[in-house]
Amino acid sequence: MSTIEKLQNDISKWYEESSIRQFMHWWKTELKTFVPEKYQQQLFPQPLLVYLVQGKEGVKVWQQIDGTQEICNKEKQEGEKWWHTVQHVINQADGKKVIVKFLLPKNEVLVRKIALPQAAKENLDDVIGFELDRFVPFKPEQVQMSYKVDRENQNQEKIQLTLAVIPKEKLEEITQLCDEKSVALDGLDANVSGDGKAPILLGVNLLLNEQRKKHDSFNLKLNLGLMALLVGLVYFVMYTSLDNKQSKVDRLTEINSSLQKEARTSKKLRKELKNVIVSSKFLQTKKQDTPALVSILSEVTSILPDHTYITRLKIDQDRIEITGQSDDANGLVPGLDKSSLWFNPRIVGGVTPDRVTKKEKFTIRAEFKEPKEEDEDGSNS
């Protein structure tokens, strides 16, 4: 047996003994009840079971499908043999999977109920082969054995098994007979019912793995290939979708960063513009509140008489201060008071005569803003 075949055999045994098989059988049975009867056979095809039952009158061919058993060669036609019947049944299977099993009479198979420790569960074949002489009066090289696990009577300490044994000569006789008649077997089991009755299988397979019919695994390989292709396509679609979404996220992140930068720049410009507007308003207000220098000089020149001259003229944002000499310093105040460019002109520091020029020295100060009036109580209004 090759490594791959041994691996397949181990996986098959594990699956047969696992709870996964029981769950899948239950799930498939429950699912089948929801499907209309006319579609059940198409969606859940049942294999055609062919039993070659050896009895006193030779080999009887039974078939079982959908749980119903019937004998196929009860009334033989002239010249028809049992192997012809088998070929006829297989040809009439209409594409269904056909499982052919040869059933020996129960008196030709030695059956024993045995119990082994749970520790032997992983290596039952080796343990049974090593201790076979404890259960049957034969050596391992003299017989072909098979077993089935009794799941209903198991406990935490022991594994209950049904052991079936036949002489190797009997196995060779059956396989040689079927080979001569071109009948490929899937299994060799024991028939625990009486001769002439519907067969009841013991549930073992005494055929060697290499003697069993090779099933065409094209559909399995095709399904596995299609499944792998489907997984690959799903992965490709998901990866492409995620990659596209990531590209969009990166692009939107870049656009968002650019917009945030532009927003910060716009906010900065708006702040600068606001400051400029405030400064402009401030200057405009100052300009409106303060008369133009040309207007002030023109006004001073037109108001002051010819006998008056100015030695110093001081102008700031709030007031004007005129220093000079005149023949009548006190007489200058009423003339300056008539101007609309300033308010409240007055002599500051008094008037002093100049011995050289024979004129009066003066300093006159006026406000550009109209002073607030004081109420009777002394507060500004």
Protein backbone atom coordinates (compact mmCIF):
# COMPACT_ATOMS: atom_id res chain seq x y z
CA MET A 1 0.00 0.00 0.00
CA SER A 2 1.39 3.37 -1.00
CA THR A 3 1.71 6.28 1.39
CA ILE A 4 -1.18 8.13 -0.25
CA GLU A 5 -3.45 5.08 -0.10
CA LYS A 6 -2.54 4.50 3.57
CA LEU A 7 -3.30 8.15 4.30
CA GLN A 8 -6.64 7.90 2.50
CA ASN A 9 -7.47 4.73 4.44
CA ASP A 10 -6.60 6.36 7.78
CA ILE A 11 -8.70 9.41 6.96
CA SER A 12 -11.62 7.21 5.90
CA LYS A 13 -11.44 5.24 9.14
CA TRP A 14 -11.22 8.41 11.18
CA TYR A 15 -14.22 9.89 9.37
CA GLU A 16 -16.28 6.71 9.81
CA GLU A 17 -15.61 6.72 13.55
CA SER A 18 -15.92 10.47 14.11
CA SER A 19 -18.98 12.43 15.21
CA ILE A 20 -18.67 14.54 12.05
CA ARG A 21 -20.06 11.68 9.98
CA GLN A 22 -23.03 11.33 12.34
CA PHE A 23 -23.71 15.05 12.21
CA MET A 24 -23.48 15.14 8.39
CA HIS A 25 -25.82 12.16 8.13
CA TRP A 26 -28.34 13.85 10.45
CA TRP A 27 -28.04 17.19 8.66
CA LYS A 28 -28.44 15.60 5.23
CA THR A 29 -31.49 13.63 6.43
CA GLU A 30 -33.14 16.72 7.90
CA LEU A 31 -32.36 18.78 4.82
CA LYS A 32 -33.82 16.12 2.59
CA THR A 33 -37.22 16.46 4.28
CA PHE A 34 -37.54 20.04 2.99
CA VAL A 35 -37.01 19.01 -0.64
CA PRO A 36 -39.98 17.84 -2.75
CA GLU A 37 -39.93 14.10 -3.44
CA LYS A 38 -39.54 14.50 -7.19
CA TYR A 39 -36.28 16.43 -6.65
CA GLN A 40 -34.88 14.36 -3.78
CA GLN A 41 -33.28 11.75 -6.03
CA GLN A 42 -31.63 14.46 -8.13
CA LEU A 43 -30.27 16.45 -5.21
CA PHE A 44 -29.58 13.53 -2.85
CA PRO A 45 -28.80 10.53 -5.06
CA GLN A 46 -28.66 7.24 -3.18
CA PRO A 47 -26.09 4.63 -4.23
CA LEU A 48 -27.34 1.36 -5.65
CA LEU A 49 -26.26 -1.48 -3.34
CA VAL A 50 -25.77 -4.90 -4.97
CA TYR A 51 -25.38 -7.89 -2.65
CA LEU A 52 -24.02 -11.22 -3.88
CA VAL A 53 -25.45 -13.60 -1.29
CA GLN A 54 -23.88 -17.04 -1.24
CA GLY A 55 -26.29 -19.78 -0.23
CA LYS A 56 -27.05 -23.44 -0.71
CA GLU A 57 -28.44 -22.85 -4.20
CA GLY A 58 -25.51 -20.73 -5.31
CA VAL A 59 -25.14 -16.96 -5.49
CA LYS A 60 -28.27 -14.83 -5.27
CA VAL A 61 -28.17 -11.22 -6.47
CA TRP A 62 -29.99 -8.69 -4.34
CA GLN A 63 -30.24 -4.98 -4.90
CA GLN A 64 -31.11 -2.22 -2.44
CA ILE A 65 -32.04 1.35 -3.25
CA ASP A 66 -33.77 3.91 -1.03
CA GLY A 67 -33.89 1.30 1.75
CA THR A 68 -35.82 -1.25 -0.31
CA GLN A 69 -34.31 -4.69 -1.04
CA GLU A 70 -35.34 -7.04 -3.80
CA ILE A 71 -33.88 -10.15 -5.34
CA CYS A 72 -32.85 -9.85 -8.99
CA ASN A 73 -32.30 -13.46 -10.12
CA LYS A 74 -35.15 -15.23 -8.38
CA GLU A 75 -36.45 -16.55 -11.68
CA LYS A 76 -33.49 -17.30 -13.88
CA GLN A 77 -33.81 -17.14 -17.59
CA GLU A 78 -32.22 -19.96 -19.50
CA GLY A 79 -28.47 -19.58 -19.75
CA GLU A 80 -28.36 -16.51 -17.47
CA LYS A 81 -25.78 -16.66 -14.68
CA TRP A 82 -25.52 -14.55 -11.52
CA TRP A 83 -22.66 -12.47 -12.92
CA HIS A 84 -24.80 -11.64 -15.96
CA THR A 85 -27.44 -10.36 -13.58
CA VAL A 86 -24.86 -8.20 -11.80
CA GLN A 87 -23.76 -6.63 -15.10
CA HIS A 88 -27.38 -6.08 -16.08
CA VAL A 89 -28.12 -4.31 -12.77
CA ILE A 90 -25.02 -2.13 -13.12
CA ASN A 91 -25.95 -1.21 -16.69
CA GLN A 92 -29.44 -0.23 -15.54
CA ALA A 93 -28.11 1.99 -12.75
CA ASP A 94 -28.48 5.09 -14.97
CA GLY A 95 -25.32 6.80 -13.74
CA LYS A 96 -25.87 6.06 -10.06
CA LYS A 97 -23.02 4.97 -7.85
CA VAL A 98 -23.02 1.17 -7.58
CA ILE A 99 -21.56 -0.63 -4.55
CA VAL A 100 -21.10 -4.40 -4.93
CA LYS A 101 -20.58 -6.56 -1.84
CA PHE A 102 -20.17 -10.32 -1.54
CA LEU A 103 -21.94 -11.76 1.50
CA LEU A 104 -20.81 -15.02 3.09
CA PRO A 105 -23.14 -17.20 5.16
CA LYS A 106 -22.80 -16.53 8.88
CA ASN A 107 -21.64 -20.15 9.47
CA GLU A 108 -18.57 -19.53 7.28
CA VAL A 109 -17.44 -16.47 9.25
CA LEU A 110 -16.04 -16.68 12.77
CA VAL A 111 -17.48 -13.76 14.77
CA ARG A 112 -16.31 -12.74 18.24
CA LYS A 113 -17.31 -9.93 20.62
CA ILE A 114 -14.13 -8.51 22.17
CA ALA A 115 -13.22 -5.59 24.45
CA LEU A 116 -10.02 -3.61 24.38
CA PRO A 117 -8.72 -0.73 26.53
CA GLN A 118 -9.40 2.80 25.35
CA ALA A 119 -5.64 3.32 25.03
CA ALA A 120 -5.65 0.93 22.06
CA LYS A 121 -8.13 3.07 20.09
CA GLU A 122 -5.46 4.75 17.98
CA ASN A 123 -3.82 1.46 16.89
CA LEU A 124 -6.62 -1.09 16.77
CA ASP A 125 -5.27 -2.95 13.73
CA ASP A 126 -1.86 -3.51 15.34
CA VAL A 127 -3.29 -4.42 18.75
CA ILE A 128 -5.85 -6.90 17.33
CA GLY A 129 -3.25 -8.48 15.06
CA PHE A 130 -0.82 -8.85 17.95
CA GLU A 131 -3.40 -10.43 20.30
CA LEU A 132 -5.45 -12.31 17.67
CA ASP A 133 -4.58 -15.72 19.12
CA ARG A 134 -6.39 -14.70 22.32
CA PHE A 135 -9.69 -14.39 20.49
CA VAL A 136 -9.57 -17.04 17.72
CA PRO A 137 -7.70 -20.36 17.35
CA PHE A 138 -5.73 -19.14 14.35
CA LYS A 139 -2.53 -17.28 13.67
CA PRO A 140 -2.67 -13.86 11.97
CA GLU A 141 -1.03 -15.18 8.80
CA GLN A 142 -3.75 -17.86 8.42
CA VAL A 143 -6.80 -15.64 8.38
CA GLN A 144 -8.21 -12.38 7.09
CA MET A 145 -9.82 -10.30 9.79
CA SER A 146 -11.98 -7.20 10.04
CA TYR A 147 -13.88 -5.48 12.83
CA LYS A 148 -16.46 -2.84 13.61
CA VAL A 149 -16.76 -0.66 16.70
CA ASP A 150 -19.87 -1.15 18.84
CA ARG A 151 -20.63 2.50 19.65
CA GLU A 152 -23.71 1.78 21.73
CA ASN A 153 -21.87 -0.27 24.38
CA GLN A 154 -18.71 1.81 24.76
CA ASN A 155 -17.56 3.18 28.09
CA GLN A 156 -14.64 5.24 29.35
CA GLU A 157 -12.46 2.19 29.99
CA LYS A 158 -13.25 -0.30 27.22
CA ILE A 159 -13.92 -0.33 23.49
CA GLN A 160 -16.43 -2.94 22.41
CA LEU A 161 -15.66 -4.53 19.02
CA THR A 162 -17.20 -7.12 16.72
CA LEU A 163 -14.37 -9.17 15.20
CA ALA A 164 -14.92 -11.21 12.01
CA VAL A 165 -12.41 -13.77 10.72
CA ILE A 166 -12.27 -16.02 7.64
CA PRO A 167 -9.52 -18.29 6.30
CA LYS A 168 -7.35 -16.69 3.68
CA GLU A 169 -8.11 -19.62 1.36
CA LYS A 170 -11.77 -18.60 1.42
CA LEU A 171 -10.85 -15.02 0.61
CA GLU A 172 -8.70 -16.11 -2.31
CA GLU A 173 -11.50 -18.37 -3.56
CA ILE A 174 -14.02 -15.53 -3.62
CA THR A 175 -11.69 -12.97 -5.20
CA GLN A 176 -10.60 -15.47 -7.86
CA LEU A 177 -14.23 -16.30 -8.64
CA CYS A 178 -15.19 -12.64 -9.04
CA ASP A 179 -12.10 -11.87 -11.10
CA GLU A 180 -12.96 -14.69 -13.50
CA LYS A 181 -16.51 -13.32 -13.86
CA SER A 182 -15.28 -9.69 -14.22
CA VAL A 183 -17.16 -8.58 -11.13
CA ALA A 184 -15.36 -5.91 -9.12
CA LEU A 185 -16.11 -6.00 -5.42
CA ASP A 186 -16.31 -3.12 -2.97
CA GLY A 187 -16.52 -5.30 0.08
CA LEU A 188 -16.76 -8.77 1.59
CA ASP A 189 -19.18 -9.07 4.51
CA ALA A 190 -21.17 -11.66 6.42
CA ASN A 191 -24.90 -12.24 6.02
CA VAL A 192 -26.40 -12.75 9.49
CA SER A 193 -29.89 -13.58 8.18
CA GLY A 194 -31.04 -17.05 7.16
CA ASP A 195 -30.73 -18.58 3.71
CA GLY A 196 -33.39 -17.29 1.33
CA LYS A 197 -34.21 -14.24 3.46
CA ALA A 198 -33.37 -10.62 2.73
CA PRO A 199 -29.70 -10.08 3.58
CA ILE A 200 -28.64 -8.38 6.82
CA LEU A 201 -25.04 -7.26 6.88
CA LEU A 202 -22.71 -7.76 9.81
CA GLY A 203 -21.00 -4.46 8.98
CA VAL A 204 -17.38 -5.44 8.31
CA ASN A 205 -15.22 -5.55 5.19
CA LEU A 206 -12.94 -8.56 4.88
CA LEU A 207 -11.49 -7.49 1.53
CA LEU A 208 -7.97 -6.15 1.42
CA ASN A 209 -7.67 -2.54 0.35
CA GLU A 210 -5.83 -3.46 -2.83
CA GLN A 211 -8.56 -5.97 -3.74
CA ARG A 212 -11.38 -3.45 -3.55
CA LYS A 213 -12.84 -1.79 -6.63
CA LYS A 214 -11.07 1.37 -7.63
CA HIS A 215 -13.60 4.14 -7.81
CA ASP A 216 -13.26 6.86 -10.39
CA SER A 217 -12.21 9.97 -8.50
CA PHE A 218 -12.60 12.29 -11.49
CA ASN A 219 -15.69 13.97 -10.03
CA LEU A 220 -13.97 14.37 -6.67
CA LYS A 221 -10.91 15.89 -8.28
CA LEU A 222 -13.10 18.10 -10.45
CA ASN A 223 -15.07 19.29 -7.42
CA LEU A 224 -11.90 19.91 -5.44
CA GLY A 225 -10.43 21.81 -8.38
CA LEU A 226 -13.56 23.90 -8.78
CA MET A 227 -13.64 24.53 -5.05
CA ALA A 228 -10.01 25.65 -5.09
CA LEU A 229 -10.75 27.87 -8.08
CA LEU A 230 -13.76 29.32 -6.26
CA VAL A 231 -11.68 30.01 -3.15
CA GLY A 232 -9.03 31.62 -5.34
CA LEU A 233 -11.60 33.80 -7.09
CA VAL A 234 -13.20 34.82 -3.79
CA TYR A 235 -9.78 35.67 -2.38
CA PHE A 236 -8.90 37.63 -5.53
CA VAL A 237 -12.19 39.56 -5.45
CA MET A 238 -11.86 40.29 -1.73
CA TYR A 239 -8.20 41.28 -2.07
CA THR A 240 -8.94 43.49 -5.08
CA SER A 241 -11.90 45.06 -3.31
CA LEU A 242 -9.86 45.74 -0.18
CA ASP A 243 -6.99 47.10 -2.26
CA ASN A 244 -9.35 49.42 -4.15
CA LYS A 245 -10.93 50.58 -0.91
CA GLN A 246 -7.49 51.17 0.59
CA SER A 247 -6.51 53.20 -2.49
CA LYS A 248 -9.68 55.28 -2.12
CA VAL A 249 -8.97 55.78 1.58
CA ASP A 250 -5.40 56.87 0.81
CA ARG A 251 -6.62 59.23 -1.92
CA LEU A 252 -9.33 60.70 0.32
CA THR A 253 -6.81 61.05 3.14
CA GLU A 254 -4.47 62.94 0.84
CA ILE A 255 -7.33 65.19 -0.37
CA ASN A 256 -8.43 65.75 3.23
CA SER A 257 -4.88 66.72 4.24
CA SER A 258 -4.69 69.14 1.31
CA LEU A 259 -8.07 70.65 2.22
CA GLN A 260 -7.05 70.98 5.86
CA LYS A 261 -3.86 72.75 4.79
CA GLU A 262 -5.83 75.09 2.54
CA ALA A 263 -8.31 75.68 5.37
CA ARG A 264 -5.49 76.62 7.73
CA THR A 265 -4.04 78.96 5.11
CA SER A 266 -7.49 80.49 4.50
CA LYS A 267 -7.99 80.95 8.23
CA LYS A 268 -4.60 82.63 8.53
CA LEU A 269 -5.35 84.93 5.58
CA ARG A 270 -8.78 85.72 7.04
CA LYS A 271 -7.13 86.68 10.33
CA GLU A 272 -4.56 88.83 8.55
CA LEU A 273 -7.31 90.46 6.49
CA LYS A 274 -9.28 91.16 9.66
CA ASN A 275 -6.22 92.78 11.23
CA VAL A 276 -5.68 94.87 8.09
CA ILE A 277 -9.34 95.95 8.12
CA VAL A 278 -9.13 96.87 11.79
CA SER A 279 -5.91 98.82 11.18
CA SER A 280 -7.43 100.51 8.15
CA LYS A 281 -10.51 101.49 10.13
CA PHE A 282 -8.32 102.79 12.91
CA LEU A 283 -6.28 104.91 10.50
CA GLN A 284 -9.41 106.08 8.74
CA THR A 285 -10.94 107.07 12.05
CA LYS A 286 -7.75 108.89 13.03
CA LYS A 287 -7.71 110.61 9.67
CA GLN A 288 -11.33 111.65 10.07
CA ASP A 289 -10.75 112.88 13.62
CA THR A 290 -7.50 114.70 12.77
CA PRO A 291 -7.62 117.57 10.22
CA ALA A 292 -5.24 117.49 7.28
CA LEU A 293 -1.92 119.25 7.82
CA VAL A 294 -2.38 121.44 4.72
CA SER A 295 -5.79 122.52 5.99
CA ILE A 296 -4.34 123.37 9.40
CA LEU A 297 -1.47 125.44 7.97
CA SER A 298 -3.83 127.25 5.62
CA GLU A 299 -6.26 127.97 8.47
CA VAL A 300 -3.51 129.27 10.78
CA THR A 301 -2.05 131.45 8.03
CA SER A 302 -5.41 132.98 7.14
CA ILE A 303 -6.45 133.67 10.75
CA LEU A 304 -3.26 135.15 12.21
CA PRO A 305 -2.73 138.88 11.38
CA ASP A 306 0.32 140.26 9.62
CA HIS A 307 1.87 141.59 12.82
CA THR A 308 2.06 138.08 14.19
CA TYR A 309 4.63 135.50 13.33
CA ILE A 310 5.17 131.96 14.48
CA THR A 311 8.38 130.67 15.98
CA ARG A 312 7.17 127.09 16.60
CA LEU A 313 4.17 125.08 15.42
CA LYS A 314 3.52 121.70 17.10
CA ILE A 315 0.82 119.41 15.76
CA ASP A 316 0.03 115.92 17.11
CA GLN A 317 -3.01 113.65 16.97
CA ASP A 318 -5.00 115.45 19.67
CA ARG A 319 -3.98 119.08 19.68
CA ILE A 320 -2.18 121.98 18.03
CA GLU A 321 0.24 124.28 19.84
CA ILE A 322 1.28 127.63 18.32
CA THR A 323 4.26 129.53 19.74
CA GLY A 324 5.19 133.00 18.42
CA GLN A 325 5.12 136.78 18.89
CA SER A 326 2.39 139.27 18.18
CA ASP A 327 1.46 142.88 18.90
CA ASP A 328 -1.75 141.66 20.60
CA ALA A 329 -1.38 138.07 21.82
CA ASN A 330 -4.68 137.98 23.71
CA GLY A 331 -6.50 139.24 20.62
CA LEU A 332 -5.48 136.14 18.68
CA VAL A 333 -7.68 133.76 20.72
CA PRO A 334 -11.08 135.04 19.46
CA GLY A 335 -9.92 134.72 15.85
CA LEU A 336 -8.64 131.20 16.34
CA ASP A 337 -11.85 130.25 18.13
CA LYS A 338 -13.82 130.88 14.96
CA SER A 339 -12.09 128.00 13.14
CA SER A 340 -13.92 124.66 12.77
CA LEU A 341 -10.68 122.64 12.77
CA TRP A 342 -10.05 122.91 16.48
CA PHE A 343 -11.76 123.71 19.69
CA ASN A 344 -11.15 125.73 22.82
CA PRO A 345 -8.03 127.74 21.84
CA ARG A 346 -6.34 129.23 24.91
CA ILE A 347 -3.10 130.87 25.97
CA VAL A 348 -0.84 128.54 27.95
CA GLY A 349 1.73 129.92 30.40
CA GLY A 350 0.80 133.54 30.05
CA VAL A 351 2.01 136.37 27.77
CA THR A 352 5.49 137.90 28.16
CA PRO A 353 6.92 140.95 26.36
CA ASP A 354 10.03 140.71 24.21
CA ARG A 355 12.41 143.63 24.77
CA VAL A 356 14.05 143.27 21.38
CA THR A 357 11.02 143.05 19.13
CA LYS A 358 8.71 144.98 21.41
CA LYS A 359 6.09 142.18 20.85
CA GLU A 360 4.31 139.77 23.16
CA LYS A 361 5.48 136.20 23.38
CA PHE A 362 2.65 133.66 23.52
CA THR A 363 1.82 129.98 23.37
CA ILE A 364 -1.70 129.08 22.24
CA ARG A 365 -3.04 125.50 22.52
CA ALA A 366 -6.22 124.11 20.95
CA GLU A 367 -7.83 120.61 20.84
CA PHE A 368 -8.81 118.81 17.64
CA LYS A 369 -11.64 117.01 19.46
CA GLU A 370 -14.52 118.90 20.99
CA PRO A 371 -14.24 118.71 24.78
CA LYS A 372 -17.10 117.02 26.65
CA GLU A 373 -19.44 119.28 28.59
CA GLU A 374 -19.51 119.03 32.37
CA ASP A 375 -22.75 118.71 34.28
CA GLU A 376 -23.55 120.86 37.28
CA ASP A 377 -22.28 118.11 39.56
CA GLY A 378 -18.94 118.16 37.76
CA SER A 379 -19.27 114.93 35.75
CA ASN A 380 -18.71 114.76 31.99
CA SER A 381 -21.81 114.33 29.84
